[in-house]
Amino acid sequence: MKTLKIHKQFQDFSVIGRLIGLTMFFAASNQLDIEWGLINSAWILTTGMLISAITGDVLGLLFGGLYLCRTGKAGEVDRWSRFKVYRMPWRIWAQSYLRSYSSRRR
């Protein structure tokens, strides 16, 4: 049950990171002087959402893991990092960073 709660916390952090990434993407696109008629907007939106999703995942997982390490729950980060659902290339990088950080914090 405790593992499911931590899994939910990481998902919440990832969603918040994605929303921040999307907000920054759209805010930056309004400030740029881009001729949107020359570029297919579907590709731009798809690429922007993909980049913000990956960035949100990485930032959410890092912030969530660092929060757990700061609150004295570094062992939970190691337990969380063993889940098979997190086997994406960018998540594996975040896990390795969190594992090394949590081992230093013990």
Protein backbone atom coordinates (compact mmCIF):
# COMPACT_ATOMS: atom_id res chain seq x y z
CA MET A 1 0.00 0.00 0.00
CA LYS A 2 2.85 2.36 0.82
CA THR A 3 4.40 1.69 -2.59
CA LEU A 4 1.15 2.59 -4.34
CA LYS A 5 1.02 5.91 -2.46
CA ILE A 6 4.55 6.75 -3.59
CA HIS A 7 3.68 5.69 -7.15
CA LYS A 8 0.74 8.14 -7.02
CA GLN A 9 3.01 10.92 -5.73
CA PHE A 10 5.40 10.43 -8.66
CA GLN A 11 2.51 10.49 -11.10
CA ASP A 12 1.26 13.74 -9.57
CA PHE A 13 4.71 15.31 -9.84
CA SER A 14 4.94 14.20 -13.49
CA VAL A 15 1.56 15.68 -14.36
CA ILE A 16 2.50 18.99 -12.74
CA GLY A 17 5.78 18.97 -14.67
CA ARG A 18 3.95 18.33 -17.94
CA LEU A 19 1.53 21.17 -17.31
CA ILE A 20 4.39 23.54 -16.56
CA GLY A 21 6.18 22.41 -19.73
CA LEU A 22 3.09 22.92 -21.89
CA THR A 23 2.48 26.35 -20.38
CA MET A 24 6.07 27.37 -21.04
CA PHE A 25 5.88 26.04 -24.61
CA PHE A 26 2.75 28.00 -25.47
CA ALA A 27 4.01 31.12 -23.69
CA ALA A 28 7.28 30.95 -25.62
CA SER A 29 5.50 30.36 -28.94
CA ASN A 30 3.46 33.54 -28.42
CA GLN A 31 6.65 35.53 -27.84
CA LEU A 32 8.46 34.21 -30.92
CA ASP A 33 8.03 35.73 -34.34
CA ILE A 34 7.26 32.57 -36.31
CA GLU A 35 5.40 32.37 -39.58
CA TRP A 36 3.00 29.60 -38.56
CA GLY A 37 1.52 29.34 -42.04
CA LEU A 38 4.78 27.96 -43.43
CA ILE A 39 4.99 25.14 -40.91
CA ASN A 40 2.41 22.47 -40.36
CA SER A 41 0.96 23.32 -36.96
CA ALA A 42 0.09 19.70 -36.20
CA TRP A 43 3.77 18.77 -36.28
CA ILE A 44 4.67 21.71 -34.08
CA LEU A 45 2.02 20.86 -31.51
CA THR A 46 2.89 17.17 -31.53
CA THR A 47 6.59 17.87 -31.10
CA GLY A 48 5.92 20.45 -28.39
CA MET A 49 3.67 18.09 -26.47
CA LEU A 50 6.14 15.23 -26.78
CA ILE A 51 9.01 17.38 -25.53
CA SER A 52 6.92 18.74 -22.68
CA ALA A 53 5.75 15.24 -21.73
CA ILE A 54 9.30 13.90 -21.58
CA THR A 55 10.52 16.99 -19.73
CA GLY A 56 7.59 16.76 -17.35
CA ASP A 57 8.32 13.11 -16.66
CA VAL A 58 11.98 13.76 -15.95
CA LEU A 59 11.39 16.85 -13.83
CA GLY A 60 8.47 15.28 -12.00
CA LEU A 61 10.38 12.13 -11.18
CA LEU A 62 13.47 14.08 -10.14
CA PHE A 63 11.56 16.53 -7.97
CA GLY A 64 9.50 13.73 -6.44
CA GLY A 65 12.60 11.67 -5.69
CA LEU A 66 14.51 14.61 -4.30
CA TYR A 67 11.52 15.46 -2.11
CA LEU A 68 11.48 11.91 -0.72
CA CYS A 69 15.23 12.05 -0.09
CA ARG A 70 14.89 15.37 1.71
CA THR A 71 12.11 14.05 3.93
CA GLY A 72 14.19 11.05 4.99
CA LYS A 73 12.57 8.42 2.75
CA ALA A 74 15.55 7.66 0.50
CA GLY A 75 14.84 3.92 0.69
CA GLU A 76 11.48 4.48 -0.97
CA VAL A 77 13.24 5.93 -4.01
CA ASP A 78 15.18 2.68 -4.44
CA ARG A 79 11.99 0.65 -4.08
CA TRP A 80 10.17 2.86 -6.57
CA SER A 81 12.98 2.66 -9.11
CA ARG A 82 12.57 -1.11 -9.40
CA PHE A 83 9.08 -0.84 -10.95
CA LYS A 84 8.92 -2.15 -14.51
CA VAL A 85 6.46 0.55 -15.58
CA TYR A 86 9.25 3.13 -15.40
CA ARG A 87 11.46 1.54 -18.06
CA MET A 88 11.69 4.40 -20.53
CA PRO A 89 15.06 5.85 -21.63
CA TRP A 90 14.51 9.22 -19.97
CA ARG A 91 13.10 7.60 -16.84
CA ILE A 92 16.07 5.24 -16.59
CA TRP A 93 18.38 8.28 -16.57
CA ALA A 94 16.29 9.92 -13.83
CA GLN A 95 16.31 6.67 -11.83
CA SER A 96 20.07 6.31 -11.99
CA TYR A 97 20.50 9.90 -10.81
CA LEU A 98 18.03 9.37 -7.97
CA ARG A 99 19.67 6.10 -6.92
CA SER A 100 23.07 7.75 -6.66
CA TYR A 101 21.58 10.73 -4.82
CA SER A 102 19.60 8.57 -2.39
CA SER A 103 22.62 6.38 -1.61
CA ARG A 104 24.58 9.52 -0.65
CA ARG A 105 21.71 10.76 1.55
CA ARG A 106 21.50 7.61 3.71
